[in-house]
PDB file of N, CA and C in Angstrom:
ATOM      1  N   UNK A   1       0.824  -1.192   0.000  1.00  0.00           N
ATOM      2  CA  UNK A   1       0.000   0.000   0.000  1.00  0.00           C
ATOM      3  C   UNK A   1       0.872   1.261   0.000  1.00  0.00           C
ATOM      4  N   UNK A   2       0.886   1.926   1.143  1.00  0.00           N
ATOM      5  CA  UNK A   2       1.666   3.155   1.265  1.00  0.00           C
ATOM      6  C   UNK A   2       2.922   2.904   2.080  1.00  0.00           C
ATOM      7  N   UNK A   3       3.960   3.553   1.686  1.00  0.00           N
ATOM      8  CA  UNK A   3       5.213   3.404   2.409  1.00  0.00           C
ATOM      9  C   UNK A   3       5.344   4.544   3.422  1.00  0.00           C
ATOM     10  N   UNK A   4       5.602   4.212   4.655  1.00  0.00           N
ATOM     11  CA  UNK A   4       5.765   5.227   5.694  1.00  0.00           C
ATOM     12  C   UNK A   4       7.197   5.723   5.688  1.00  0.00           C
ATOM     13  N   UNK A   5       7.331   7.053   5.787  1.00  0.00           N
ATOM     14  CA  UNK A   5       8.659   7.647   5.872  1.00  0.00           C
ATOM     15  C   UNK A   5       8.793   8.284   7.244  1.00  0.00           C
ATOM     16  N   UNK A   6       9.972   8.186   7.831  1.00  0.00           N
ATOM     17  CA  UNK A   6      10.147   8.825   9.139  1.00  0.00           C
ATOM     18  C   UNK A   6      10.069  10.347   8.992  1.00  0.00           C
ATOM     19  N   UNK A   7       9.498  11.000   9.997  1.00  0.00           N
ATOM     20  CA  UNK A   7       9.391  12.453   9.998  1.00  0.00           C
ATOM     21  C   UNK A   7      10.729  13.079  10.320  1.00  0.00           C
ATOM     22  N   UNK A   8      10.993  14.204   9.674  1.00  0.00           N
ATOM     23  CA  UNK A   8      12.201  14.962   9.973  1.00  0.00           C
ATOM     24  C   UNK A   8      11.857  16.011  11.024  1.00  0.00           C
ATOM     25  N   UNK A   9      12.832  16.391  11.814  1.00  0.00           N
ATOM     26  CA  UNK A   9      12.579  17.489  12.742  1.00  0.00           C
ATOM     27  C   UNK A   9      12.194  18.754  11.968  1.00  0.00           C
ATOM     28  N   UNK A  10      11.396  19.621  12.579  1.00  0.00           N
ATOM     29  CA  UNK A  10      10.936  20.837  11.904  1.00  0.00           C
ATOM     30  C   UNK A  10      12.089  21.671  11.372  1.00  0.00           C
ATOM     31  N   UNK A  11      13.175  21.706  12.090  1.00  0.00           N
ATOM     32  CA  UNK A  11      14.301  22.541  11.664  1.00  0.00           C
ATOM     33  C   UNK A  11      14.935  22.032  10.375  1.00  0.00           C
ATOM     34  N   UNK A  12      14.685  20.794  10.003  1.00  0.00           N
ATOM     35  CA  UNK A  12      15.291  20.237   8.798  1.00  0.00           C
ATOM     36  C   UNK A  12      14.313  20.148   7.631  1.00  0.00           C
ATOM     37  N   UNK A  13      13.061  20.542   7.857  1.00  0.00           N
ATOM     38  CA  UNK A  13      12.073  20.451   6.783  1.00  0.00           C
ATOM     39  C   UNK A  13      12.230  21.605   5.806  1.00  0.00           C
ATOM     40  N   UNK A  14      11.884  21.345   4.559  1.00  0.00           N
ATOM     41  CA  UNK A  14      11.935  22.380   3.525  1.00  0.00           C
ATOM     42  C   UNK A  14      10.788  23.356   3.705  1.00  0.00           C
ATOM     43  N   UNK A  15      11.114  24.624   3.551  1.00  0.00           N
ATOM     44  CA  UNK A  15      10.066  25.635   3.668  1.00  0.00           C
ATOM     45  C   UNK A  15      10.008  26.572   2.471  1.00  0.00           C
ATOM     46  N   UNK A  16      11.029  26.613   1.676  1.00  0.00           N
ATOM     47  CA  UNK A  16      11.042  27.495   0.512  1.00  0.00           C
ATOM     48  C   UNK A  16      10.346  26.794  -0.658  1.00  0.00           C
ATOM     49  N   UNK A  17       9.579  27.550  -1.492  1.00  0.00           N
ATOM     50  CA  UNK A  17       8.887  26.931  -2.625  1.00  0.00           C
ATOM     51  C   UNK A  17       9.825  26.140  -3.528  1.00  0.00           C
ATOM     52  N   UNK A  18      11.042  26.645  -3.748  1.00  0.00           N
ATOM     53  CA  UNK A  18      11.968  25.931  -4.628  1.00  0.00           C
ATOM     54  C   UNK A  18      12.411  24.604  -4.009  1.00  0.00           C
ATOM     55  N   UNK A  19      12.418  24.537  -2.702  1.00  0.00           N
ATOM     56  CA  UNK A  19      12.841  23.323  -2.027  1.00  0.00           C
ATOM     57  C   UNK A  19      11.766  22.246  -2.020  1.00  0.00           C
ATOM     58  N   UNK A  20      10.524  22.632  -2.225  1.00  0.00           N
ATOM     59  CA  UNK A  20       9.454  21.633  -2.242  1.00  0.00           C
ATOM     60  C   UNK A  20       8.890  21.461  -3.652  1.00  0.00           C
ATOM     61  N   UNK A  21       9.658  21.891  -4.627  1.00  0.00           N
ATOM     62  CA  UNK A  21       9.312  21.734  -6.033  1.00  0.00           C
ATOM     63  C   UNK A  21       7.998  22.412  -6.416  1.00  0.00           C
ATOM     64  N   UNK A  22       7.765  23.593  -5.885  1.00  0.00           N
ATOM     65  CA  UNK A  22       6.614  24.400  -6.278  1.00  0.00           C
ATOM     66  C   UNK A  22       7.101  25.520  -7.172  1.00  0.00           C
ATOM     67  N   UNK A  23       6.251  25.981  -8.083  1.00  0.00           N
ATOM     68  CA  UNK A  23       6.693  27.077  -8.941  1.00  0.00           C
ATOM     69  C   UNK A  23       6.983  28.318  -8.106  1.00  0.00           C
ATOM     70  N   UNK A  24       8.068  28.955  -8.438  1.00  0.00           N
ATOM     71  CA  UNK A  24       8.437  30.165  -7.719  1.00  0.00           C
ATOM     72  C   UNK A  24       7.615  31.328  -8.255  1.00  0.00           C
ATOM     73  N   UNK A  25       6.923  32.021  -7.371  1.00  0.00           N
ATOM     74  CA  UNK A  25       6.095  33.151  -7.767  1.00  0.00           C
ATOM     75  C   UNK A  25       6.444  34.338  -6.894  1.00  0.00           C
ATOM     76  N   UNK A  26       6.339  35.491  -7.480  1.00  0.00           N
ATOM     77  CA  UNK A  26       6.489  36.701  -6.695  1.00  0.00           C
ATOM     78  C   UNK A  26       5.140  37.004  -6.074  1.00  0.00           C
ATOM     79  N   UNK A  27       5.084  36.989  -4.778  1.00  0.00           N
ATOM     80  CA  UNK A  27       3.839  37.308  -4.107  1.00  0.00           C
ATOM     81  C   UNK A  27       3.750  38.813  -3.930  1.00  0.00           C
ATOM     82  N   UNK A  28       2.610  39.406  -4.290  1.00  0.00           N
ATOM     83  CA  UNK A  28       2.495  40.848  -4.155  1.00  0.00           C
ATOM     84  C   UNK A  28       2.491  41.245  -2.679  1.00  0.00           C
ATOM     85  N   UNK A  29       3.178  42.304  -2.381  1.00  0.00           N
ATOM     86  CA  UNK A  29       3.202  42.811  -1.019  1.00  0.00           C
ATOM     87  C   UNK A  29       2.131  43.891  -0.929  1.00  0.00           C
ATOM     88  N   UNK A  30       1.199  43.704  -0.046  1.00  0.00           N
ATOM     89  CA  UNK A  30       0.102  44.645   0.089  1.00  0.00           C
ATOM     90  C   UNK A  30       0.528  45.822   0.952  1.00  0.00           C
ATOM     91  N   UNK A  31       0.330  47.002   0.439  1.00  0.00           N
ATOM     92  CA  UNK A  31       0.624  48.208   1.209  1.00  0.00           C
ATOM     93  C   UNK A  31      -0.667  48.910   1.600  1.00  0.00           C
ATOM     94  N   UNK A  32      -1.779  48.281   1.299  1.00  0.00           N
ATOM     95  CA  UNK A  32      -3.061  48.888   1.624  1.00  0.00           C
ATOM     96  C   UNK A  32      -3.326  48.750   3.115  1.00  0.00           C
ATOM     97  N   UNK A  33      -3.975  49.746   3.651  1.00  0.00           N
ATOM     98  CA  UNK A  33      -4.383  49.675   5.049  1.00  0.00           C
ATOM     99  C   UNK A  33      -5.881  49.466   5.079  1.00  0.00           C
ATOM    100  N   UNK A  34      -6.390  48.912   6.152  1.00  0.00           N
ATOM    101  CA  UNK A  34      -7.838  48.800   6.244  1.00  0.00           C
ATOM    102  C   UNK A  34      -8.479  50.166   6.097  1.00  0.00           C
ATOM    103  N   UNK A  35      -9.648  50.178   5.512  1.00  0.00           N
ATOM    104  CA  UNK A  35     -10.355  51.424   5.187  1.00  0.00           C
ATOM    105  C   UNK A  35     -10.415  52.371   6.368  1.00  0.00           C
ATOM    106  N   UNK A  36     -10.704  51.874   7.534  1.00  0.00           N
ATOM    107  CA  UNK A  36     -10.867  52.726   8.700  1.00  0.00           C
ATOM    108  C   UNK A  36      -9.574  53.323   9.199  1.00  0.00           C
ATOM    109  N   UNK A  37      -8.467  52.576   9.101  1.00  0.00           N
ATOM    110  CA  UNK A  37      -7.214  53.076   9.652  1.00  0.00           C
ATOM    111  C   UNK A  37      -6.696  54.278   8.892  1.00  0.00           C
ATOM    112  N   UNK A  38      -6.811  54.267   7.578  1.00  0.00           N
ATOM    113  CA  UNK A  38      -6.312  55.390   6.789  1.00  0.00           C
ATOM    114  C   UNK A  38      -7.106  56.649   7.087  1.00  0.00           C
ATOM    115  N   UNK A  39      -8.413  56.536   7.162  1.00  0.00           N
ATOM    116  CA  UNK A  39      -9.249  57.697   7.447  1.00  0.00           C
ATOM    117  C   UNK A  39      -9.103  58.132   8.901  1.00  0.00           C
ATOM    118  N   UNK A  40      -9.044  57.167   9.810  1.00  0.00           N
ATOM    119  CA  UNK A  40      -8.959  57.505  11.230  1.00  0.00           C
ATOM    120  C   UNK A  40      -7.650  58.234  11.515  1.00  0.00           C
ATOM    121  N   UNK A  41      -6.594  57.872  10.802  1.00  0.00           N
ATOM    122  CA  UNK A  41      -5.314  58.542  10.993  1.00  0.00           C
ATOM    123  C   UNK A  41      -5.392  60.028  10.675  1.00  0.00           C
ATOM    124  N   UNK A  42      -6.322  60.392   9.809  1.00  0.00           N
ATOM    125  CA  UNK A  42      -6.512  61.806   9.464  1.00  0.00           C
ATOM    126  C   UNK A  42      -7.624  62.438  10.293  1.00  0.00           C
ATOM    127  N   UNK A  43      -8.148  61.706  11.274  1.00  0.00           N
ATOM    128  CA  UNK A  43      -9.196  62.246  12.127  1.00  0.00           C
ATOM    129  C   UNK A  43     -10.555  62.286  11.465  1.00  0.00           C
ATOM    130  N   UNK A  44     -10.737  61.515  10.418  1.00  0.00           N
ATOM    131  CA  UNK A  44     -11.996  61.510   9.685  1.00  0.00           C
ATOM    132  C   UNK A  44     -12.781  60.247  10.006  1.00  0.00           C
ATOM    133  N   UNK A  45     -14.116  60.311   9.929  1.00  0.00           N
ATOM    134  CA  UNK A  45     -14.917  59.096  10.131  1.00  0.00           C
ATOM    135  C   UNK A  45     -14.703  58.101   8.985  1.00  0.00           C
ATOM    136  N   UNK A  46     -14.866  56.829   9.285  1.00  0.00           N
ATOM    137  CA  UNK A  46     -14.775  55.789   8.264  1.00  0.00           C
ATOM    138  C   UNK A  46     -16.051  55.802   7.423  1.00  0.00           C
ATOM    139  N   UNK A  47     -16.071  55.016   6.358  1.00  0.00           N
ATOM    140  CA  UNK A  47     -17.260  54.941   5.502  1.00  0.00           C
ATOM    141  C   UNK A  47     -18.479  54.460   6.287  1.00  0.00           C
ATOM    142  N   UNK A  48     -18.277  53.467   7.154  1.00  0.00           N
ATOM    143  CA  UNK A  48     -19.392  52.974   7.970  1.00  0.00           C
ATOM    144  C   UNK A  48     -19.890  54.067   8.900  1.00  0.00           C
ATOM    145  N   UNK A  49     -18.970  54.799   9.501  1.00  0.00           N
ATOM    146  CA  UNK A  49     -19.361  55.885  10.401  1.00  0.00           C
ATOM    147  C   UNK A  49     -20.110  56.984   9.653  1.00  0.00           C
ATOM    148  N   UNK A  50     -19.679  57.284   8.443  1.00  0.00           N
ATOM    149  CA  UNK A  50     -20.376  58.283   7.637  1.00  0.00           C
ATOM    150  C   UNK A  50     -21.785  57.798   7.322  1.00  0.00           C
ATOM    151  N   UNK A  51     -21.928  56.514   7.015  1.00  0.00           N
ATOM    152  CA  UNK A  51     -23.250  55.940   6.760  1.00  0.00           C
ATOM    153  C   UNK A  51     -24.148  56.098   7.982  1.00  0.00           C
ATOM    154  N   UNK A  52     -23.600  55.836   9.161  1.00  0.00           N
ATOM    155  CA  UNK A  52     -24.373  55.975  10.403  1.00  0.00           C
ATOM    156  C   UNK A  52     -24.767  57.436  10.619  1.00  0.00           C
ATOM    157  N   UNK A  53     -23.833  58.356  10.401  1.00  0.00           N
ATOM    158  CA  UNK A  53     -24.143  59.777  10.581  1.00  0.00           C
ATOM    159  C   UNK A  53     -25.260  60.215   9.640  1.00  0.00           C
ATOM    160  N   UNK A  54     -25.173  59.800   8.389  1.00  0.00           N
ATOM    161  CA  UNK A  54     -26.222  60.168   7.422  1.00  0.00           C
ATOM    162  C   UNK A  54     -27.566  59.551   7.799  1.00  0.00           C
ATOM    163  N   UNK A  55     -27.535  58.314   8.277  1.00  0.00           N
ATOM    164  CA  UNK A  55     -28.770  57.650   8.651  1.00  0.00           C
ATOM    165  C   UNK A  55     -29.438  58.367   9.822  1.00  0.00           C
ATOM    166  N   UNK A  56     -28.669  58.740  10.828  1.00  0.00           N
ATOM    167  CA  UNK A  56     -29.241  59.458  11.968  1.00  0.00           C
ATOM    168  C   UNK A  56     -29.736  60.833  11.538  1.00  0.00           C
ATOM    169  N   UNK A  57     -29.012  61.474  10.635  1.00  0.00           N
ATOM    170  CA  UNK A  57     -29.414  62.787  10.136  1.00  0.00           C
ATOM    171  C   UNK A  57     -30.715  62.700   9.342  1.00  0.00           C
ATOM    172  N   UNK A  58     -30.807  61.712   8.458  1.00  0.00           N
ATOM    173  CA  UNK A  58     -31.967  61.594   7.574  1.00  0.00           C
ATOM    174  C   UNK A  58     -33.187  60.986   8.261  1.00  0.00           C
ATOM    175  N   UNK A  59     -32.968  60.123   9.234  1.00  0.00           N
ATOM    176  CA  UNK A  59     -34.074  59.440   9.924  1.00  0.00           C
ATOM    177  C   UNK A  59     -33.827  59.487  11.426  1.00  0.00           C
ATOM    178  N   UNK A  60     -34.199  60.585  12.083  1.00  0.00           N
ATOM    179  CA  UNK A  60     -33.912  60.715  13.516  1.00  0.00           C
ATOM    180  C   UNK A  60     -34.544  59.621  14.375  1.00  0.00           C
ATOM    181  N   UNK A  61     -35.569  58.945  13.868  1.00  0.00           N
ATOM    182  CA  UNK A  61     -36.177  57.874  14.660  1.00  0.00           C
ATOM    183  C   UNK A  61     -35.271  56.637  14.735  1.00  0.00           C
ATOM    184  N   UNK A  62     -34.295  56.555  13.855  1.00  0.00           N
ATOM    185  CA  UNK A  62     -33.349  55.422  13.854  1.00  0.00           C
ATOM    186  C   UNK A  62     -32.097  55.847  14.611  1.00  0.00           C
ATOM    187  N   UNK A  63     -32.201  55.873  15.926  1.00  0.00           N
ATOM    188  CA  UNK A  63     -31.096  56.386  16.723  1.00  0.00           C
ATOM    189  C   UNK A  63     -30.596  55.386  17.746  1.00  0.00           C
ATOM    190  N   UNK A  64     -31.011  54.148  17.676  1.00  0.00           N
ATOM    191  CA  UNK A  64     -30.618  53.137  18.654  1.00  0.00           C
ATOM    192  C   UNK A  64     -29.742  52.082  17.981  1.00  0.00           C
ATOM    193  N   UNK A  65     -28.833  51.486  18.760  1.00  0.00           N
ATOM    194  CA  UNK A  65     -27.896  50.504  18.205  1.00  0.00           C
ATOM    195  C   UNK A  65     -28.579  49.342  17.486  1.00  0.00           C
ATOM    196  N   UNK A  66     -29.641  48.726  18.033  1.00  0.00           N
ATOM    197  CA  UNK A  66     -30.239  47.591  17.316  1.00  0.00           C
ATOM    198  C   UNK A  66     -30.806  47.982  15.950  1.00  0.00           C
ATOM    199  N   UNK A  67     -31.416  49.158  15.870  1.00  0.00           N
ATOM    200  CA  UNK A  67     -31.997  49.626  14.598  1.00  0.00           C
ATOM    201  C   UNK A  67     -30.883  49.949  13.609  1.00  0.00           C
ATOM    202  N   UNK A  68     -29.870  50.648  14.081  1.00  0.00           N
ATOM    203  CA  UNK A  68     -28.742  51.001  13.211  1.00  0.00           C
ATOM    204  C   UNK A  68     -28.018  49.738  12.752  1.00  0.00           C
ATOM    205  N   UNK A  69     -27.872  48.772  13.648  1.00  0.00           N
ATOM    206  CA  UNK A  69     -27.186  47.517  13.302  1.00  0.00           C
ATOM    207  C   UNK A  69     -27.876  46.811  12.144  1.00  0.00           C
ATOM    208  N   UNK A  70     -29.201  46.765  12.171  1.00  0.00           N
ATOM    209  CA  UNK A  70     -29.937  46.126  11.069  1.00  0.00           C
ATOM    210  C   UNK A  70     -29.715  46.878   9.758  1.00  0.00           C
ATOM    211  N   UNK A  71     -29.690  48.189   9.833  1.00  0.00           N
ATOM    212  CA  UNK A  71     -29.522  48.996   8.623  1.00  0.00           C
ATOM    213  C   UNK A  71     -28.129  48.837   8.001  1.00  0.00           C
ATOM    214  N   UNK A  72     -27.095  48.755   8.833  1.00  0.00           N
ATOM    215  CA  UNK A  72     -25.734  48.665   8.296  1.00  0.00           C
ATOM    216  C   UNK A  72     -25.231  47.222   8.227  1.00  0.00           C
ATOM    217  N   UNK A  73     -26.110  46.283   8.542  1.00  0.00           N
ATOM    218  CA  UNK A  73     -25.834  44.840   8.502  1.00  0.00           C
ATOM    219  C   UNK A  73     -24.581  44.452   9.299  1.00  0.00           C
ATOM    220  N   UNK A  74     -24.500  44.959  10.510  1.00  0.00           N
ATOM    221  CA  UNK A  74     -23.457  44.576  11.463  1.00  0.00           C
ATOM    222  C   UNK A  74     -24.157  44.053  12.711  1.00  0.00           C
ATOM    223  N   UNK A  75     -23.423  43.388  13.570  1.00  0.00           N
ATOM    224  CA  UNK A  75     -24.035  42.891  14.801  1.00  0.00           C
ATOM    225  C   UNK A  75     -24.369  44.063  15.725  1.00  0.00           C
ATOM    226  N   UNK A  76     -25.298  43.823  16.629  1.00  0.00           N
ATOM    227  CA  UNK A  76     -25.677  44.866  17.578  1.00  0.00           C
ATOM    228  C   UNK A  76     -24.483  45.240  18.444  1.00  0.00           C
ATOM    229  N   UNK A  77     -23.689  44.242  18.844  1.00  0.00           N
ATOM    230  CA  UNK A  77     -22.535  44.491  19.686  1.00  0.00           C
ATOM    231  C   UNK A  77     -21.500  45.349  18.962  1.00  0.00           C
ATOM    232  N   UNK A  78     -21.223  45.006  17.707  1.00  0.00           N
ATOM    233  CA  UNK A  78     -20.282  45.787  16.913  1.00  0.00           C
ATOM    234  C   UNK A  78     -20.778  47.225  16.775  1.00  0.00           C
ATOM    235  N   UNK A  79     -22.058  47.355  16.477  1.00  0.00           N
ATOM    236  CA  UNK A  79     -22.638  48.686  16.281  1.00  0.00           C
ATOM    237  C   UNK A  79     -22.609  49.490  17.572  1.00  0.00           C
ATOM    238  N   UNK A  80     -22.896  48.856  18.701  1.00  0.00           N
ATOM    239  CA  UNK A  80     -22.853  49.564  19.980  1.00  0.00           C
ATOM    240  C   UNK A  80     -21.446  50.088  20.264  1.00  0.00           C
ATOM    241  N   UNK A  81     -20.433  49.278  19.978  1.00  0.00           N
ATOM    242  CA  UNK A  81     -19.045  49.737  20.172  1.00  0.00           C
ATOM    243  C   UNK A  81     -18.714  50.871  19.215  1.00  0.00           C
ATOM    244  N   UNK A  82     -19.166  50.753  17.976  1.00  0.00           N
ATOM    245  CA  UNK A  82     -18.940  51.802  16.984  1.00  0.00           C
ATOM    246  C   UNK A  82     -19.583  53.116  17.423  1.00  0.00           C
ATOM    247  N   UNK A  83     -20.825  53.044  17.892  1.00  0.00           N
ATOM    248  CA  UNK A  83     -21.524  54.246  18.335  1.00  0.00           C
ATOM    249  C   UNK A  83     -20.848  54.855  19.555  1.00  0.00           C
ATOM    250  N   UNK A  84     -20.372  54.026  20.458  1.00  0.00           N
ATOM    251  CA  UNK A  84     -19.655  54.535  21.632  1.00  0.00           C
ATOM    252  C   UNK A  84     -18.386  55.252  21.202  1.00  0.00           C
ATOM    253  N   UNK A  85     -17.656  54.662  20.247  1.00  0.00           N
ATOM    254  CA  UNK A  85     -16.432  55.272  19.738  1.00  0.00           C
ATOM    255  C   UNK A  85     -16.735  56.604  19.054  1.00  0.00           C
ATOM    256  N   UNK A  86     -17.824  56.656  18.293  1.00  0.00           N
ATOM    257  CA  UNK A  86     -18.208  57.890  17.618  1.00  0.00           C
ATOM    258  C   UNK A  86     -18.627  58.946  18.639  1.00  0.00           C
ATOM    259  N   UNK A  87     -19.249  58.512  19.706  1.00  0.00           N
ATOM    260  CA  UNK A  87     -19.626  59.420  20.781  1.00  0.00           C
ATOM    261  C   UNK A  87     -18.375  59.984  21.461  1.00  0.00           C
ATOM    262  N   UNK A  88     -17.412  59.125  21.737  1.00  0.00           N
ATOM    263  CA  UNK A  88     -16.159  59.568  22.352  1.00  0.00           C
ATOM    264  C   UNK A  88     -15.373  60.503  21.435  1.00  0.00           C
ATOM    265  N   UNK A  89     -15.511  60.321  20.109  1.00  0.00           N
ATOM    266  CA  UNK A  89     -14.809  61.165  19.141  1.00  0.00           C
ATOM    267  C   UNK A  89     -15.508  62.505  18.924  1.00  0.00           C
ATOM    268  N   UNK A  90     -16.713  62.668  19.481  1.00  0.00           N
ATOM    269  CA  UNK A  90     -17.402  63.941  19.383  1.00  0.00           C
ATOM    270  C   UNK A  90     -18.363  64.068  18.219  1.00  0.00           C
ATOM    271  N   UNK A  91     -18.693  62.970  17.557  1.00  0.00           N
ATOM    272  CA  UNK A  91     -19.641  63.020  16.446  1.00  0.00           C
ATOM    273  C   UNK A  91     -21.080  62.778  16.897  1.00  0.00           C
ATOM    274  N   UNK A  92     -21.248  62.085  18.018  1.00  0.00           N
ATOM    275  CA  UNK A  92     -22.583  61.773  18.522  1.00  0.00           C
ATOM    276  C   UNK A  92     -22.665  62.112  20.000  1.00  0.00           C
ATOM    277  N   UNK A  93     -23.869  62.437  20.434  1.00  0.00           N
ATOM    278  CA  UNK A  93     -24.157  62.563  21.857  1.00  0.00           C
ATOM    279  C   UNK A  93     -24.968  61.353  22.255  1.00  0.00           C
ATOM    280  N   UNK A  94     -24.529  60.686  23.297  1.00  0.00           N
ATOM    281  CA  UNK A  94     -25.197  59.464  23.740  1.00  0.00           C
ATOM    282  C   UNK A  94     -26.167  59.806  24.871  1.00  0.00           C
ATOM    283  N   UNK A  95     -27.435  59.512  24.646  1.00  0.00           N
ATOM    284  CA  UNK A  95     -28.470  59.745  25.653  1.00  0.00           C
ATOM    285  C   UNK A  95     -28.610  58.479  26.486  1.00  0.00           C
ATOM    286  N   UNK A  96     -28.148  58.542  27.731  1.00  0.00           N
ATOM    287  CA  UNK A  96     -28.121  57.351  28.582  1.00  0.00           C
ATOM    288  C   UNK A  96     -29.330  57.266  29.501  1.00  0.00           C
ATOM    289  N   UNK A  97     -30.284  58.190  29.365  1.00  0.00           N
ATOM    290  CA  UNK A  97     -31.471  58.161  30.224  1.00  0.00           C
ATOM    291  C   UNK A  97     -32.439  57.061  29.833  1.00  0.00           C
ATOM    292  N   UNK A  98     -32.324  56.578  28.611  1.00  0.00           N
ATOM    293  CA  UNK A  98     -33.232  55.542  28.114  1.00  0.00           C
ATOM    294  C   UNK A  98     -32.426  54.313  27.725  1.00  0.00           C
ATOM    295  N   UNK A  99     -33.120  53.187  27.631  1.00  0.00           N
ATOM    296  CA  UNK A  99     -32.475  51.953  27.198  1.00  0.00           C
ATOM    297  C   UNK A  99     -33.238  51.375  26.044  1.00  0.00           C
ATOM    298  N   UNK A 100     -32.677  50.984  24.930  1.00  0.00           N
ATOM    299  CA  UNK A 100     -31.264  51.133  24.616  1.00  0.00           C
ATOM    300  C   UNK A 100     -30.914  52.608  24.426  1.00  0.00           C
ATOM    301  N   UNK A 101     -29.629  52.906  24.592  1.00  0.00           N
ATOM    302  CA  UNK A 101     -29.170  54.282  24.451  1.00  0.00           C
ATOM    303  C   UNK A 101     -29.556  54.813  23.075  1.00  0.00           C
ATOM    304  N   UNK A 102     -29.848  56.101  23.031  1.00  0.00           N
ATOM    305  CA  UNK A 102     -30.112  56.745  21.748  1.00  0.00           C
ATOM    306  C   UNK A 102     -28.984  57.726  21.459  1.00  0.00           C
ATOM    307  N   UNK A 103     -28.826  58.048  20.202  1.00  0.00           N
ATOM    308  CA  UNK A 103     -27.713  58.893  19.769  1.00  0.00           C
ATOM    309  C   UNK A 103     -28.233  60.058  18.947  1.00  0.00           C
ATOM    310  N   UNK A 104     -27.616  61.230  19.161  1.00  0.00           N
ATOM    311  CA  UNK A 104     -27.989  62.452  18.463  1.00  0.00           C
ATOM    312  C   UNK A 104     -26.714  63.040  17.867  1.00  0.00           C
ATOM    313  N   UNK A 105     -26.832  63.608  16.667  1.00  0.00           N
ATOM    314  CA  UNK A 105     -25.673  64.224  16.033  1.00  0.00           C
ATOM    315  C   UNK A 105     -25.223  65.455  16.805  1.00  0.00           C
ATOM    316  N   UNK A 106     -23.918  65.648  16.883  1.00  0.00           N
ATOM    317  CA  UNK A 106     -23.356  66.854  17.491  1.00  0.00           C
ATOM    318  C   UNK A 106     -23.170  67.905  16.399  1.00  0.00           C
ATOM    319  N   UNK A 107     -22.808  69.109  16.812  1.00  0.00           N
ATOM    320  CA  UNK A 107     -22.524  70.169  15.830  1.00  0.00           C
ATOM    321  C   UNK A 107     -21.363  69.771  14.924  1.00  0.00           C
ATOM    322  N   UNK A 108     -20.384  69.081  15.491  1.00  0.00           N
ATOM    323  CA  UNK A 108     -19.238  68.621  14.689  1.00  0.00           C
ATOM    324  C   UNK A 108     -19.715  67.698  13.564  1.00  0.00           C
ATOM    325  N   UNK A 109     -20.626  66.785  13.884  1.00  0.00           N
ATOM    326  CA  UNK A 109     -21.150  65.856  12.880  1.00  0.00           C
ATOM    327  C   UNK A 109     -21.974  66.603  11.841  1.00  0.00           C
ATOM    328  N   UNK A 110     -22.759  67.576  12.282  1.00  0.00           N
ATOM    329  CA  UNK A 110     -23.569  68.379  11.348  1.00  0.00           C
ATOM    330  C   UNK A 110     -22.655  69.103  10.354  1.00  0.00           C
ATOM    331  N   UNK A 111     -21.591  69.724  10.861  1.00  0.00           N
ATOM    332  CA  UNK A 111     -20.645  70.437   9.976  1.00  0.00           C
ATOM    333  C   UNK A 111     -19.972  69.464   9.018  1.00  0.00           C
ATOM    334  N   UNK A 112     -19.589  68.302   9.525  1.00  0.00           N
ATOM    335  CA  UNK A 112     -18.951  67.302   8.662  1.00  0.00           C
ATOM    336  C   UNK A 112     -19.873  66.899   7.531  1.00  0.00           C
ATOM    337  N   UNK A 113     -21.136  66.608   7.846  1.00  0.00           N
ATOM    338  CA  UNK A 113     -22.087  66.198   6.811  1.00  0.00           C
ATOM    339  C   UNK A 113     -22.359  67.316   5.813  1.00  0.00           C
ATOM    340  N   UNK A 114     -22.410  68.558   6.281  1.00  0.00           N
ATOM    341  CA  UNK A 114     -22.606  69.693   5.367  1.00  0.00           C
ATOM    342  C   UNK A 114     -21.448  69.813   4.388  1.00  0.00           C
ATOM    343  N   UNK A 115     -20.227  69.548   4.871  1.00  0.00           N
ATOM    344  CA  UNK A 115     -19.054  69.622   3.989  1.00  0.00           C
ATOM    345  C   UNK A 115     -18.996  68.453   3.011  1.00  0.00           C
ATOM    346  N   UNK A 116     -19.657  67.346   3.336  1.00  0.00           N
ATOM    347  CA  UNK A 116     -19.688  66.181   2.451  1.00  0.00           C
ATOM    348  C   UNK A 116     -20.600  66.388   1.255  1.00  0.00           C
ATOM    349  N   UNK A 117     -21.608  67.212   1.397  1.00  0.00           N
ATOM    350  CA  UNK A 117     -22.586  67.415   0.311  1.00  0.00           C
ATOM    351  C   UNK A 117     -22.088  68.359  -0.694  1.00  0.00           C
TER     352      UNK A 117
END
């Protein structure tokens, strides 16, 4: 049937493509950063955050994490963290008197959206 070969220690195993008889290819080196990191580095909201700001601006009744989560197709937990981060960054005011928390645009967010149009 099959012939068993003894295993070599990891330090002696081949790891280079040429050593294991695979075609040598130049793998592209990605210099792209995730969408949010490039924008966040400049102090700007990410595309998802801009979507949330526009949604709250256009439909003030959609101001809670579960509703926003359904609209942006993210989990409620992810959306709650995102909204908290946006609140800490000064784009939203978090109303903690009610549950679930509701969010209102700040003047900074209003100015940002006006400059986007």
